[in-house]
């Protein structure tokens, strides 16, 4: 009886490890693989252009201070 319990726990552990590895590999490819952290600053479009294309308008987050030069 105890040998059957060891086989079940081993099988459960193996299946859990395989599932975990599969999720990690799938997540790695879903976020872009090796190139996922690359900065794409040379895309040629500004924030204002992207917002206008989406039908939005970019507003400043903070009002200008009175002591700032114009």
Protein backbone atom coordinates (compact mmCIF):
# COMPACT_ATOMS: atom_id res chain seq x y z
CA UNK A 1 0.00 0.00 0.00
CA UNK A 2 2.79 2.43 0.82
CA UNK A 3 4.50 1.77 -2.52
CA UNK A 4 1.35 2.90 -4.38
CA UNK A 5 1.30 6.17 -2.43
CA UNK A 6 4.91 6.88 -3.39
CA UNK A 7 4.14 6.30 -7.08
CA UNK A 8 1.16 8.65 -6.95
CA UNK A 9 3.12 11.40 -5.20
CA UNK A 10 6.00 11.00 -7.66
CA UNK A 11 3.61 11.21 -10.59
CA UNK A 12 1.94 14.28 -9.09
CA UNK A 13 5.32 15.94 -8.55
CA UNK A 14 6.44 15.17 -12.10
CA UNK A 15 3.19 16.49 -13.58
CA UNK A 16 3.41 19.66 -11.49
CA UNK A 17 7.00 20.27 -12.57
CA UNK A 18 6.11 19.73 -16.24
CA UNK A 19 3.18 22.13 -15.97
CA UNK A 20 5.33 24.77 -14.29
CA UNK A 21 8.03 24.51 -16.95
CA UNK A 22 5.40 24.70 -19.68
CA UNK A 23 3.86 27.85 -18.21
CA UNK A 24 7.27 29.50 -17.88
CA UNK A 25 8.24 28.68 -21.48
CA UNK A 26 4.88 29.84 -22.82
CA UNK A 27 5.09 33.08 -20.84
CA UNK A 28 8.62 33.70 -22.10
CA UNK A 29 7.51 33.48 -25.71
CA UNK A 30 4.32 35.48 -25.13
CA UNK A 31 6.25 38.50 -23.83
CA UNK A 32 8.65 38.50 -26.76
CA UNK A 33 11.44 36.10 -25.96
CA UNK A 34 14.96 37.50 -25.83
CA UNK A 35 13.94 40.83 -27.39
CA UNK A 36 11.23 41.61 -24.84
CA UNK A 37 13.25 44.21 -22.93
CA UNK A 38 14.51 46.09 -25.97
CA UNK A 39 13.68 49.76 -26.15
CA UNK A 40 12.08 50.83 -29.40
CA UNK A 41 12.86 54.54 -29.23
CA UNK A 42 13.47 54.78 -32.96
CA UNK A 43 9.88 53.99 -33.90
CA UNK A 44 9.47 57.47 -35.42
CA UNK A 45 6.23 58.37 -33.64
CA UNK A 46 5.80 60.74 -30.71
CA UNK A 47 3.42 60.46 -27.80
CA UNK A 48 1.25 63.23 -29.23
CA UNK A 49 1.05 61.51 -32.62
CA UNK A 50 0.11 58.18 -31.05
CA UNK A 51 -2.55 59.86 -28.91
CA UNK A 52 -3.98 61.73 -31.90
CA UNK A 53 -4.12 58.50 -33.88
CA UNK A 54 -6.10 56.94 -31.03
CA UNK A 55 -8.39 59.98 -30.82
CA UNK A 56 -6.97 61.26 -27.54
CA UNK A 57 -5.16 64.39 -26.41
CA UNK A 58 -2.05 64.47 -24.22
CA UNK A 59 -2.37 66.86 -21.30
CA UNK A 60 0.36 67.87 -18.85
CA UNK A 61 0.21 66.08 -15.53
CA UNK A 62 1.15 69.12 -13.42
CA UNK A 63 0.37 72.77 -14.03
CA UNK A 64 3.37 74.98 -14.65
CA UNK A 65 4.78 76.81 -11.68
CA UNK A 66 4.65 80.61 -11.59
CA UNK A 67 8.42 80.83 -11.19
CA UNK A 68 9.20 78.74 -14.30
CA UNK A 69 10.31 80.68 -17.37
CA UNK A 70 8.03 80.50 -20.38
